[in-house]
Protein backbone atom coordinates (compact mmCIF):
# COMPACT_ATOMS: atom_id res chain seq x y z
CA MET A 1 -213.45 138.98 112.01
CA ASN A 2 -213.05 134.99 111.52
CA ASP A 3 -213.58 131.99 114.18
CA PHE A 4 -209.81 132.22 115.44
CA THR A 5 -211.15 134.13 118.47
CA ASP A 6 -214.02 136.37 119.88
CA ALA A 7 -214.09 140.01 120.13
CA SER A 8 -213.31 139.99 123.95
CA ALA A 9 -210.32 137.81 123.19
CA LEU A 10 -209.11 140.12 120.60
CA GLU A 11 -209.31 143.09 122.82
CA ARG A 12 -207.37 141.25 125.71
CA ALA A 13 -204.68 140.36 122.80
CA ALA A 14 -204.34 143.95 121.87
CA LYS A 15 -203.90 145.09 125.53
CA GLU A 16 -201.32 142.18 126.06
CA LEU A 17 -199.49 143.37 123.01
CA GLN A 18 -199.38 146.93 124.14
CA SER A 19 -198.35 146.03 127.68
CA TRP A 20 -195.58 143.81 126.17
CA GLU A 21 -194.32 146.50 123.84
CA ALA A 22 -194.19 149.26 126.54
CA ASN A 23 -192.43 146.90 129.20
CA GLU A 24 -190.31 144.21 128.02
CA VAL A 25 -189.55 145.27 124.34
CA ALA A 26 -188.99 149.07 125.65
CA ALA A 27 -186.59 147.63 128.56
CA PHE A 28 -184.81 145.42 126.18
CA LEU A 29 -184.32 147.81 123.41
CA ASN A 30 -182.81 150.35 126.13
CA LYS A 31 -180.00 147.60 126.55
CA GLN A 32 -179.57 146.46 122.92
CA GLN A 33 -180.93 147.86 119.85
CA GLU A 34 -182.27 145.41 116.87
CA ARG A 35 -180.08 144.79 114.19
CA ARG A 36 -181.61 147.04 111.69
CA PRO A 37 -184.31 149.77 111.85
CA ALA A 38 -186.72 147.92 109.58
CA PHE A 39 -187.05 143.93 108.76
CA ARG A 40 -188.85 142.98 105.43
CA THR A 41 -189.15 139.92 103.31
CA GLN A 42 -187.43 139.67 99.99
CA SER A 43 -190.32 140.77 98.02
CA GLY A 44 -190.53 143.90 100.35
CA PHE A 45 -193.23 143.03 102.78
CA PRO A 46 -192.65 144.68 106.20
CA LEU A 47 -192.08 141.97 108.85
CA LYS A 48 -193.41 142.79 112.44
CA ARG A 49 -191.38 142.01 115.53
CA ALA A 50 -194.03 139.20 116.47
CA TYR A 51 -197.13 138.16 115.23
CA THR A 52 -200.33 137.38 117.28
CA ALA A 53 -204.04 136.44 116.71
CA LEU A 54 -204.69 140.13 115.71
CA ASP A 55 -202.71 139.70 112.66
CA VAL A 56 -205.08 137.10 111.26
CA ALA A 57 -208.45 138.33 112.54
CA ASP A 58 -209.38 139.45 109.21
CA ILE A 59 -208.53 136.43 107.60
CA PRO A 60 -211.74 134.52 106.56
CA LEU A 61 -211.54 130.92 107.59
CA GLU A 62 -212.93 129.82 104.58
CA ASP A 63 -209.69 131.28 102.82
CA ILE A 64 -207.55 128.88 104.63
CA GLY A 65 -209.82 126.13 104.66
CA LEU A 66 -208.49 122.28 104.59
CA PRO A 67 -206.16 120.32 102.48
CA GLY A 68 -207.77 119.27 99.37
CA ARG A 69 -210.51 121.50 99.44
CA TYR A 70 -211.22 124.70 97.64
CA PRO A 71 -209.59 127.20 97.74
CA PHE A 72 -206.58 124.67 98.31
CA THR A 73 -204.52 127.14 100.25
CA ARG A 74 -203.54 124.10 102.66
CA GLY A 75 -202.60 121.88 99.62
CA PRO A 76 -204.05 120.19 96.62
CA TYR A 77 -204.68 116.82 98.14
CA PRO A 78 -206.35 116.02 101.33
CA THR A 79 -203.32 113.43 102.50
CA MET A 80 -200.48 114.91 100.68
CA TYR A 81 -197.12 113.29 101.47
CA ARG A 82 -198.86 110.98 103.85
CA SER A 83 -199.76 108.85 101.01
CA ARG A 84 -196.70 109.50 98.66
CA PHE A 85 -193.84 111.78 98.90
CA TRP A 86 -193.52 114.37 96.08
CA THR A 87 -191.87 113.32 92.98
CA MET A 88 -188.12 113.41 93.32
CA ARG A 89 -187.18 114.86 89.79
CA GLN A 90 -183.30 115.67 89.48
CA ILE A 91 -182.53 117.35 85.96
CA ALA A 92 -180.41 115.85 83.86
CA GLY A 93 -178.79 116.63 80.04
CA PHE A 94 -175.61 116.73 78.51
CA GLY A 95 -174.05 115.20 75.26
CA THR A 96 -175.98 112.75 73.17
CA GLY A 97 -179.12 110.69 73.98
CA GLU A 98 -176.93 108.02 74.93
CA ASP A 99 -174.75 110.00 77.22
CA THR A 100 -177.85 111.43 79.19
CA ASN A 101 -179.28 108.25 79.25
CA ARG A 102 -176.70 106.88 81.32
CA ARG A 103 -177.03 109.56 83.73
CA PHE A 104 -180.84 108.82 84.08
CA GLN A 105 -180.02 105.14 84.55
CA TYR A 106 -177.78 106.08 87.37
CA LEU A 107 -180.37 108.70 88.99
CA ILE A 108 -182.95 105.91 88.93
CA SER A 109 -180.68 103.37 90.43
CA GLN A 110 -180.26 106.04 93.63
CA GLY A 111 -183.86 106.42 93.82
CA GLN A 112 -185.09 109.19 91.74
CA THR A 113 -188.87 108.63 90.72
CA GLY A 114 -189.17 111.35 88.05
CA LEU A 115 -186.92 112.29 84.97
CA SER A 116 -186.24 115.78 84.07
CA THR A 117 -184.40 116.62 80.86
CA ASP A 118 -182.42 119.66 79.79
CA PHE A 119 -181.66 120.35 76.10
CA ASP A 120 -178.70 122.13 74.64
CA MET A 121 -179.03 125.69 73.29
CA PRO A 122 -179.26 124.90 69.56
CA THR A 123 -182.25 122.29 70.32
CA LEU A 124 -183.90 125.04 72.63
CA MET A 125 -183.84 127.41 69.39
CA GLY A 126 -184.94 124.97 67.13
CA LEU A 127 -181.40 124.50 65.19
CA ASP A 128 -180.02 121.17 64.10
CA SER A 129 -176.67 120.29 65.42
CA ASP A 130 -175.01 121.07 62.20
CA HIS A 131 -176.10 124.48 61.95
CA PRO A 132 -173.45 127.04 61.83
CA MET A 133 -174.70 128.53 64.96
CA SER A 134 -174.70 125.48 66.68
CA GLU A 135 -170.90 125.02 66.51
CA GLY A 136 -169.33 124.82 69.84
CA GLU A 137 -172.88 124.26 71.76
CA VAL A 138 -173.63 120.74 70.90
CA GLY A 139 -174.48 118.76 73.87
CA ARG A 140 -172.65 121.32 76.18
CA GLU A 141 -175.40 122.68 78.44
CA GLY A 142 -177.89 120.06 77.89
CA VAL A 143 -178.63 117.05 75.65
CA ALA A 144 -178.61 117.40 71.93
CA VAL A 145 -182.06 116.31 70.13
CA CYS A 146 -182.46 116.87 66.52
CA THR A 147 -184.72 113.69 65.28
CA LEU A 148 -186.60 110.91 66.68
CA ALA A 149 -183.53 108.75 66.76
CA ASP A 150 -182.20 111.07 69.30
CA MET A 151 -185.25 110.52 71.45
CA GLU A 152 -184.96 106.96 71.10
CA ALA A 153 -181.48 107.00 72.31
CA LEU A 154 -182.34 109.28 75.22
CA PHE A 155 -185.15 107.21 76.68
CA GLU A 156 -183.59 103.62 75.64
CA GLY A 157 -184.31 100.97 78.40
CA ILE A 158 -186.83 103.21 80.07
CA ASP A 159 -190.70 102.42 80.37
CA LEU A 160 -192.62 105.75 79.49
CA GLU A 161 -195.56 104.24 80.92
CA LYS A 162 -194.10 103.77 84.31
CA ILE A 163 -191.95 106.99 84.74
CA SER A 164 -192.81 110.45 84.74
CA VAL A 165 -190.79 112.55 82.19
CA SER A 166 -190.21 116.37 82.30
CA MET A 167 -188.77 118.45 79.21
CA THR A 168 -187.35 121.77 79.88
CA ILE A 169 -188.08 123.58 76.41
CA ASN A 170 -189.87 126.34 75.11
CA PRO A 171 -189.96 127.87 71.64
CA SER A 172 -189.57 124.34 70.05
CA ALA A 173 -191.77 122.41 72.77
CA TRP A 174 -194.20 121.24 70.39
CA VAL A 175 -191.62 119.56 68.17
CA LEU A 176 -190.12 117.72 71.42
CA LEU A 177 -193.75 116.48 72.28
CA ALA A 178 -194.24 115.23 68.85
CA MET A 179 -191.07 113.49 69.04
CA TYR A 180 -192.39 111.92 72.54
CA VAL A 181 -195.56 110.99 71.13
CA ALA A 182 -193.90 109.33 67.88
CA LEU A 183 -191.74 107.48 70.25
CA ALA A 184 -194.49 106.13 72.32
CA GLN A 185 -196.47 105.21 69.42
CA LYS A 186 -193.65 103.32 67.88
CA ARG A 187 -193.34 101.19 71.13
CA GLY A 188 -196.90 100.68 71.07
CA TYR A 189 -197.83 102.72 74.40
CA ASP A 190 -201.01 103.74 75.41
CA LEU A 191 -200.85 107.57 75.12
CA HIS A 192 -202.99 108.09 77.95
CA LYS A 193 -201.00 106.07 80.14
CA LEU A 194 -198.07 108.63 79.49
CA SER A 195 -196.96 111.12 82.43
CA GLY A 196 -194.88 114.03 82.57
CA THR A 197 -194.68 117.48 81.29
CA ILE A 198 -193.41 119.60 78.29
CA GLN A 199 -192.62 123.11 79.73
CA ALA A 200 -193.80 125.10 76.78
CA ASP A 201 -194.17 128.36 78.38
CA ILE A 202 -193.31 130.91 75.94
CA LEU A 203 -194.66 133.85 77.48
CA LYS A 204 -192.12 134.00 80.11
CA GLU A 205 -189.40 133.68 77.67
CA TYR A 206 -190.27 137.12 75.98
CA MET A 207 -190.52 138.41 80.03
CA ALA A 208 -187.25 136.80 81.27
CA GLN A 209 -185.33 134.11 79.66
CA LYS A 210 -185.31 135.53 76.20
CA GLU A 211 -185.13 132.16 74.38
CA TYR A 212 -188.00 132.61 71.34
CA ILE A 213 -188.21 132.26 67.91
CA PHE A 214 -191.44 133.34 66.38
CA PRO A 215 -193.44 136.48 67.12
CA ILE A 216 -195.86 136.24 70.06
CA ALA A 217 -198.95 135.41 68.50
CA PRO A 218 -197.90 132.15 66.58
CA SER A 219 -196.03 131.32 69.92
CA VAL A 220 -198.95 131.20 71.62
CA ARG A 221 -200.92 129.48 69.10
CA LEU A 222 -198.48 126.50 69.40
CA VAL A 223 -199.03 126.50 73.15
CA ARG A 224 -202.64 126.31 72.53
CA ASP A 225 -202.34 123.32 70.02
CA CYS A 226 -200.10 121.21 72.68
CA ILE A 227 -202.75 121.91 75.45
CA THR A 228 -205.93 121.18 73.40
CA TYR A 229 -204.15 118.00 71.82
CA CYS A 230 -203.11 116.48 75.08
CA ALA A 231 -206.65 117.06 76.40
CA ARG A 232 -207.93 114.76 73.95
CA HIS A 233 -205.12 112.27 73.48
CA MET A 234 -203.02 112.27 76.51
CA LYS A 235 -205.03 112.52 79.63
CA ARG A 236 -202.48 112.16 82.32
CA TYR A 237 -199.84 114.40 80.51
CA ASN A 238 -199.30 118.09 81.34
CA PRO A 239 -199.07 119.96 77.99
CA ILE A 240 -197.48 123.01 79.85
CA ASN A 241 -195.43 124.04 82.98
CA ILE A 242 -196.16 127.58 83.34
CA SER A 243 -192.84 128.75 84.80
CA GLY A 244 -192.23 131.35 87.53
CA TYR A 245 -188.65 129.81 87.94
CA HIS A 246 -187.02 131.74 85.03
CA ILE A 247 -188.79 135.04 85.73
CA SER A 248 -187.12 134.69 89.16
CA GLU A 249 -183.88 133.54 87.94
CA ALA A 250 -183.87 136.61 85.73
CA GLY A 251 -183.93 138.59 88.91
CA SER A 252 -187.64 139.37 89.82
CA SER A 253 -188.82 139.58 93.23
CA PRO A 254 -190.81 136.41 94.61
CA LEU A 255 -194.04 138.55 94.26
CA HIS A 256 -193.47 139.37 90.84
CA GLU A 257 -192.41 135.79 89.99
CA ALA A 258 -195.85 134.68 91.24
CA ALA A 259 -198.06 137.42 89.81
CA PHE A 260 -196.65 137.38 86.35
CA THR A 261 -196.86 133.75 86.24
CA MET A 262 -200.58 134.10 86.99
CA ALA A 263 -200.76 136.76 84.23
CA ASN A 264 -199.41 134.30 81.60
CA LEU A 265 -201.73 131.63 82.95
CA ILE A 266 -204.64 133.81 82.14
CA THR A 267 -203.53 134.45 78.68
CA TYR A 268 -203.04 130.81 77.86
CA VAL A 269 -206.70 129.77 79.29
CA GLU A 270 -208.20 132.64 77.36
CA GLU A 271 -206.44 131.25 74.29
CA VAL A 272 -207.66 127.80 74.62
CA THR A 273 -211.11 128.75 75.59
CA LYS A 274 -211.10 130.65 72.14
CA THR A 275 -211.52 127.12 70.47
CA GLY A 276 -214.63 126.13 72.06
CA MET A 277 -213.10 123.86 74.95
CA HIS A 278 -214.44 124.38 78.33
CA VAL A 279 -212.01 125.04 80.87
CA ASP A 280 -212.62 121.85 82.77
CA GLU A 281 -211.50 119.76 79.80
CA PHE A 282 -207.91 121.00 79.78
CA ALA A 283 -207.23 122.73 83.27
CA PRO A 284 -207.01 119.72 85.24
CA ARG A 285 -203.66 119.05 83.34
CA LEU A 286 -202.25 122.58 83.73
CA ALA A 287 -198.99 122.60 85.73
CA PHE A 288 -196.89 125.21 87.14
CA PHE A 289 -192.98 125.47 87.92
CA PHE A 290 -191.76 127.89 90.79
CA VAL A 291 -188.56 128.67 92.34
CA SER A 292 -187.89 128.35 96.13
CA GLN A 293 -185.71 131.10 97.10
CA ALA A 294 -183.84 131.79 100.35
CA ASP A 295 -186.73 133.65 102.20
CA PHE A 296 -187.93 130.64 104.09
CA PHE A 297 -191.45 132.10 105.29
CA GLU A 298 -192.15 134.05 102.40
CA GLU A 299 -191.61 131.07 100.20
CA VAL A 300 -194.11 128.85 102.11
CA ALA A 301 -196.78 131.66 102.02
CA LYS A 302 -195.99 132.19 98.43
CA PHE A 303 -196.89 128.70 97.54
CA ARG A 304 -199.79 128.60 99.68
CA ALA A 305 -200.98 132.23 98.34
CA LEU A 306 -200.48 130.92 94.47
CA ARG A 307 -203.15 127.97 95.24
CA ARG A 308 -205.45 130.22 96.50
CA VAL A 309 -205.14 132.68 93.81
CA TYR A 310 -205.41 129.89 91.05
CA ALA A 311 -208.49 128.43 92.57
CA LYS A 312 -210.12 131.67 92.74
CA ILE A 313 -208.97 132.71 89.02
CA MET A 314 -210.25 129.34 87.65
CA LYS A 315 -213.64 129.34 89.43
CA GLU A 316 -214.64 133.07 89.45
CA ARG A 317 -213.06 134.18 86.07
CA PHE A 318 -213.07 131.02 83.96
CA GLY A 319 -216.26 129.13 85.59
CA ALA A 320 -214.42 125.92 86.44
CA ARG A 321 -216.76 123.61 88.27
CA ASN A 322 -214.54 120.55 88.47
CA PRO A 323 -212.14 120.78 91.70
CA GLU A 324 -209.23 119.21 89.62
CA SER A 325 -209.33 122.45 87.50
CA MET A 326 -208.82 124.62 90.58
CA ARG A 327 -206.02 122.53 92.13
CA LEU A 328 -202.45 123.95 91.36
CA ARG A 329 -200.01 121.58 91.07
CA PHE A 330 -196.32 122.65 90.83
CA HIS A 331 -192.92 121.51 90.49
CA THR A 332 -190.05 123.37 92.60
CA GLN A 333 -186.47 123.80 91.87
CA THR A 334 -184.10 125.30 94.37
CA ALA A 335 -182.55 128.72 93.41
CA ALA A 336 -179.78 128.32 91.02
CA ALA A 337 -179.05 132.05 91.33
CA THR A 338 -178.26 131.72 95.05
CA LEU A 339 -175.55 129.22 94.32
CA THR A 340 -171.95 130.68 94.69
CA LYS A 341 -168.37 129.55 93.49
CA PRO A 342 -166.79 130.93 96.80
CA GLN A 343 -167.15 128.15 99.54
CA TYR A 344 -169.34 126.25 97.08
CA MET A 345 -170.02 123.46 99.63
CA VAL A 346 -172.38 125.98 101.53
CA ASN A 347 -174.56 125.54 98.73
CA ILE A 348 -175.52 122.11 99.93
CA ILE A 349 -176.97 123.97 103.04
CA ARG A 350 -178.61 126.67 100.78
CA THR A 351 -180.62 123.94 98.86
CA THR A 352 -181.29 121.92 101.84
CA LEU A 353 -183.37 125.07 103.39
CA GLN A 354 -184.94 126.05 99.99
CA ALA A 355 -185.87 122.34 99.63
CA LEU A 356 -187.68 122.37 102.94
CA ALA A 357 -189.53 125.46 102.38
CA ALA A 358 -190.77 123.73 99.03
CA VAL A 359 -192.01 120.60 101.01
CA MET A 360 -193.46 122.96 103.84
CA GLY A 361 -195.05 124.79 100.99
CA GLY A 362 -196.63 121.65 99.47
CA THR A 363 -194.84 121.05 96.25
CA GLN A 364 -195.68 118.12 94.01
CA SER A 365 -192.43 117.60 92.49
CA LEU A 366 -189.05 118.92 93.42
CA HIS A 367 -185.27 119.30 91.95
CA THR A 368 -182.49 120.08 94.19
CA ASN A 369 -179.60 121.88 92.75
CA GLY A 370 -176.15 120.25 92.94
CA MET A 371 -173.53 122.16 95.01
CA ASP A 372 -170.99 122.85 92.06
CA GLU A 373 -173.74 124.02 89.62
CA ALA A 374 -172.11 127.67 90.02
CA PHE A 375 -169.41 126.02 87.93
CA ALA A 376 -170.72 123.64 85.32
CA ILE A 377 -173.21 120.66 84.79
CA PRO A 378 -173.30 118.88 88.08
CA THR A 379 -171.22 115.84 88.49
CA GLU A 380 -172.74 112.40 89.52
CA ALA A 381 -171.58 113.13 93.27
CA ALA A 382 -173.22 116.40 93.46
CA MET A 383 -176.30 114.97 92.06
CA LYS A 384 -176.48 112.30 94.55
CA ILE A 385 -175.93 114.43 97.59
CA ALA A 386 -178.59 116.70 95.98
CA LEU A 387 -181.06 113.68 95.74
CA ARG A 388 -179.97 112.47 99.00
CA THR A 389 -181.04 116.01 100.57
CA GLN A 390 -184.65 115.29 99.29
CA GLN A 391 -184.76 111.70 100.82
CA VAL A 392 -183.45 112.98 104.16
CA ILE A 393 -186.34 115.47 104.30
CA ALA A 394 -188.72 112.86 103.28
CA ASP A 395 -187.61 109.88 105.45
CA GLU A 396 -185.68 111.66 108.43
CA SER A 397 -187.31 114.87 109.33
CA ASN A 398 -190.86 113.97 109.96
CA VAL A 399 -191.97 116.94 108.30
CA ALA A 400 -194.18 115.06 105.59
CA SER A 401 -196.25 113.67 108.32
CA VAL A 402 -198.50 116.34 108.74
CA VAL A 403 -200.45 118.18 106.15
CA ASP A 404 -199.51 122.00 105.62
CA PRO A 405 -197.52 121.93 108.98
CA LEU A 406 -197.30 125.67 109.13
CA GLY A 407 -200.95 126.43 108.53
CA GLY A 408 -202.26 128.62 111.44
CA SER A 409 -199.11 130.19 112.29
CA TYR A 410 -199.88 133.92 112.67
CA LEU A 411 -196.94 134.93 110.40
CA VAL A 412 -197.42 132.47 107.72
CA GLU A 413 -201.18 133.15 107.52
CA ARG A 414 -200.59 136.93 107.46
CA LEU A 415 -197.97 136.66 104.61
CA THR A 416 -200.06 134.09 102.61
CA SER A 417 -203.20 136.81 102.85
CA ASP A 418 -200.65 139.70 101.79
CA PHE A 419 -199.06 137.52 99.14
CA GLU A 420 -202.79 136.72 97.71
CA LYS A 421 -203.82 140.41 97.69
CA ALA A 422 -200.76 141.78 96.12
CA ILE A 423 -200.90 139.32 93.10
CA PHE A 424 -204.40 140.45 92.44
CA GLU A 425 -203.48 144.28 92.49
CA ILE A 426 -200.69 143.49 89.81
CA LEU A 427 -203.16 141.30 87.69
CA GLU A 428 -205.68 144.07 87.90
CA GLU A 429 -203.10 146.46 86.81
CA VAL A 430 -201.80 144.41 84.08
CA GLU A 431 -205.41 144.23 82.73
CA ARG A 432 -206.16 147.90 83.06
CA ARG A 433 -203.07 148.54 81.12
CA GLY A 434 -204.23 146.37 78.22
CA GLY A 435 -203.40 142.69 78.91
CA THR A 436 -199.92 140.39 79.21
CA VAL A 437 -199.19 140.31 75.45
CA LYS A 438 -199.19 144.00 75.03
CA LEU A 439 -197.24 144.71 78.20
CA ILE A 440 -194.59 142.28 76.90
CA GLU A 441 -194.29 144.09 73.85
CA GLN A 442 -193.84 147.53 75.90
CA GLY A 443 -191.19 146.08 78.16
CA TRP A 444 -193.34 146.62 81.28
CA PHE A 445 -193.05 143.10 82.79
CA GLN A 446 -188.78 143.23 81.62
CA LYS A 447 -188.66 146.51 83.35
CA HIS A 448 -189.85 145.36 86.67
CA ILE A 449 -187.66 142.29 86.81
CA ALA A 450 -184.44 144.33 85.76
CA ASP A 451 -185.24 147.06 88.30
CA PHE A 452 -185.46 144.42 90.96
CA ALA A 453 -182.47 142.65 89.76
CA TYR A 454 -180.53 146.00 90.03
CA ASP A 455 -181.58 146.60 93.49
CA VAL A 456 -180.49 143.12 94.58
CA ALA A 457 -177.09 143.32 93.11
CA LEU A 458 -176.56 146.65 94.83
CA GLY A 459 -177.61 145.19 97.96
CA LYS A 460 -175.03 142.29 97.74
CA GLN A 461 -172.26 145.17 96.85
CA SER A 462 -172.96 146.98 99.76
CA GLY A 463 -173.62 144.36 101.98
CA ASP A 464 -176.96 144.91 102.82
CA ARG A 465 -177.86 141.67 101.17
CA THR A 466 -175.86 139.17 102.94
CA VAL A 467 -174.23 136.22 100.99
CA ILE A 468 -172.00 134.03 103.06
CA GLY A 469 -168.67 133.52 101.50
CA VAL A 470 -169.30 136.45 98.96
CA ASN A 471 -169.65 139.72 101.05
CA LYS A 472 -169.63 138.04 104.58
CA TYR A 473 -167.23 135.40 106.22
CA ILE A 474 -165.02 135.79 103.39
CA GLU A 475 -162.25 133.23 103.10
CA PRO A 476 -159.00 133.38 100.80
CA GLU A 477 -159.38 131.81 97.55
CA GLU A 478 -159.61 128.02 97.97
CA ASP A 479 -156.74 126.11 96.35
CA ALA A 480 -158.34 122.68 96.12
CA GLU A 481 -159.09 121.50 92.96
CA ILE A 482 -162.66 121.25 92.03
CA HIS A 483 -163.76 118.59 90.04
CA THR A 484 -166.40 119.46 87.51
CA HIS A 485 -168.49 117.73 84.92
CA PRO A 486 -166.30 117.18 81.55
CA TYR A 487 -167.27 118.05 78.30
CA ASP A 488 -166.57 115.26 75.58
CA PRO A 489 -165.21 116.96 72.41
CA THR A 490 -166.61 114.04 70.30
CA THR A 491 -170.12 115.06 71.09
CA ALA A 492 -170.78 117.12 67.95
CA GLU A 493 -169.01 114.70 65.70
CA ARG A 494 -171.30 111.78 67.20
CA GLN A 495 -174.42 114.06 66.96
CA ILE A 496 -174.22 115.18 63.63
CA SER A 497 -173.40 111.53 62.37
CA ARG A 498 -176.51 110.23 63.63
CA LEU A 499 -178.37 113.29 62.17
CA GLN A 500 -176.71 112.75 58.58
CA ARG A 501 -177.67 109.06 58.75
CA VAL A 502 -181.32 110.07 59.39
CA ARG A 503 -181.40 112.25 56.58
CA ARG A 504 -179.83 109.57 54.18
CA GLU A 505 -182.47 107.07 55.34
CA ARG A 506 -185.50 108.63 55.19
CA ASP A 507 -188.30 109.13 52.41
CA ASN A 508 -187.35 112.53 51.16
CA ALA A 509 -190.42 113.13 49.24
CA LYS A 510 -192.80 112.10 51.94
CA VAL A 511 -191.00 114.56 54.22
CA SER A 512 -191.24 117.18 51.62
CA ALA A 513 -194.96 116.68 51.08
CA LEU A 514 -195.72 116.68 54.90
CA MET A 515 -193.81 119.92 55.23
CA ASP A 516 -196.02 121.68 52.50
CA ARG A 517 -199.11 120.36 54.48
CA MET A 518 -197.65 121.70 57.84
CA VAL A 519 -197.46 124.99 56.09
CA GLU A 520 -200.94 124.99 54.96
CA ILE A 521 -202.20 123.93 58.29
CA ALA A 522 -199.99 126.75 60.09
CA LYS A 523 -202.01 129.23 57.64
CA ASP A 524 -205.25 128.49 59.10
CA GLU A 525 -205.20 129.46 62.83
CA THR A 526 -208.19 127.21 63.74
CA GLN A 527 -206.19 124.02 63.03
CA ASN A 528 -204.08 122.09 65.43
CA LEU A 529 -200.28 121.87 64.20
CA MET A 530 -199.58 118.77 66.58
CA PRO A 531 -200.89 115.81 64.26
CA VAL A 532 -198.82 117.01 61.39
CA THR A 533 -195.75 117.46 63.47
CA ILE A 534 -195.93 113.99 64.77
CA GLU A 535 -196.12 112.59 61.15
CA LEU A 536 -193.14 114.70 60.16
CA VAL A 537 -191.03 113.50 63.28
CA ALA A 538 -192.07 110.12 62.52
CA ALA A 539 -191.03 110.40 58.88
CA GLY A 540 -187.44 111.39 59.89
CA ALA A 541 -187.84 115.39 59.64
CA THR A 542 -185.39 117.22 61.86
CA MET A 543 -186.26 119.87 64.28
CA GLY A 544 -184.39 122.64 62.31
CA GLU A 545 -186.13 121.78 59.15
CA ILE A 546 -189.70 122.14 60.75
CA VAL A 547 -188.70 125.40 62.34
CA GLU A 548 -187.12 126.99 59.56
CA ARG A 549 -190.28 126.14 57.15
CA LEU A 550 -192.33 127.93 59.78
CA LYS A 551 -189.99 130.89 60.18
CA ASP A 552 -190.22 131.45 56.28
CA LEU A 553 -194.26 131.81 57.25
CA TRP A 554 -194.25 133.82 60.36
CA GLY A 555 -190.81 135.35 60.77
CA THR A 556 -188.75 135.81 63.84
CA TYR A 557 -189.23 138.07 66.99
CA ARG A 558 -187.20 140.83 67.81
CA GLU A 559 -187.40 142.62 71.15
CA ASN A 560 -187.72 146.31 71.67
CA PRO A 561 -185.25 147.58 74.20
CA ILE A 562 -186.32 149.42 77.15
CA PHE A 563 -183.84 151.58 79.01
């Protein structure tokens, strides 16, 4: 029993509940039945008709705690948004560096406080823009970056010591980080003043998003190298954004999003500590990225449970002593998978509720999706509305005036504890079955994600899972023309022209010698590949050239299909 109430009060509450169910509830059900026989969260947790003090009697008060104190259930910082709002970080990326730079400048002028960068598919996969497989994809779904010159164009006129920059990239993340460092060094910045994040979470790629290049072991080594380099040279920079978002977007339940992300965390921390680096040397800069889905209270509980789970893992499993190592800090994006083409303006409402859940759950950074993202890259108008959504929540709703305003809610506290327990049960199963990497290779995570996605699809088809405008309140097809973001057909030509210029003007002998040195360093697993990669990009080496040389050494990954 906790301190919410005493035994006699609980006994009275139990009798009151029993009386209520036997009288008021029973009488009302005789007149009108409930909408369905059972109510559940999106993850499948059963929902009672009403929650009382009886539902939180077994939750220790120390597990709930206070904001800014272990286990950080109620928030990583004691004052949260009373001191400053979350970072409003709308993602952008298309065309060349110059094209995306103009969108960055627009968003900054509209009040955005952090930059997030999407890269095109060739860049994500470590291919140069003139590679045959890049044809038709250059700058189409993100910005094209092949060389340091592209990075210079991307951040022209932006003071990187004053604005936080997030880069959404994984298999080739270490090369992008190297370009970012080389750019900062070229401008004379203090690396310790740079803030932002490189996503770099390769394990969830094998589980969910499927953007990978190398086999798992060298890929995890590259993550390790990013983390250890940043711990020593970039004290304010997050070298990884361990991401549940893409696990969710691939179709997982909110519970599996949370649990699988924590399984990946454990693998990365184990890999870094093998180098002899103590957890307190690098854990304060670990960052996370989660989705905020449609089930409002479950999402709030998910975020609160994740903070508690993370704190306990870092303290009890890895021996963290610094509170900063136990504070889970995360970026949130509203759920792109929930956006619809039919009645697409309803997406504004979906996004607003998802953003509110993220704020009520204590996010440190937030991206709100554009209403037209089901069609294409968002237009400027859609991005402005998405940003204004955050600003209205921050400045007009007053929800940011109280830390963890749903703390103490019988429902939220019960869901938080149930979520925590279920996450640890999944983590125990992962360990019992041989660990994260082994289960990725066996397709265990992938099967769980696919099974839940299939069930959701069936539910939408049958109408059991309501989607307004798709299977309920359907309207005739809209005749109005929808203005979407255009693709500039000159993008590839402009991008390849700069790439060819860089190759012509660089010292090819120097690049070749550095490539040979990189391969030798890559053969020694105890060495860090970041320093030589920084030298390479500064000398004009392209991302594709760096990746191809390491493919020759490490090979590529092929997934075992699971049926």
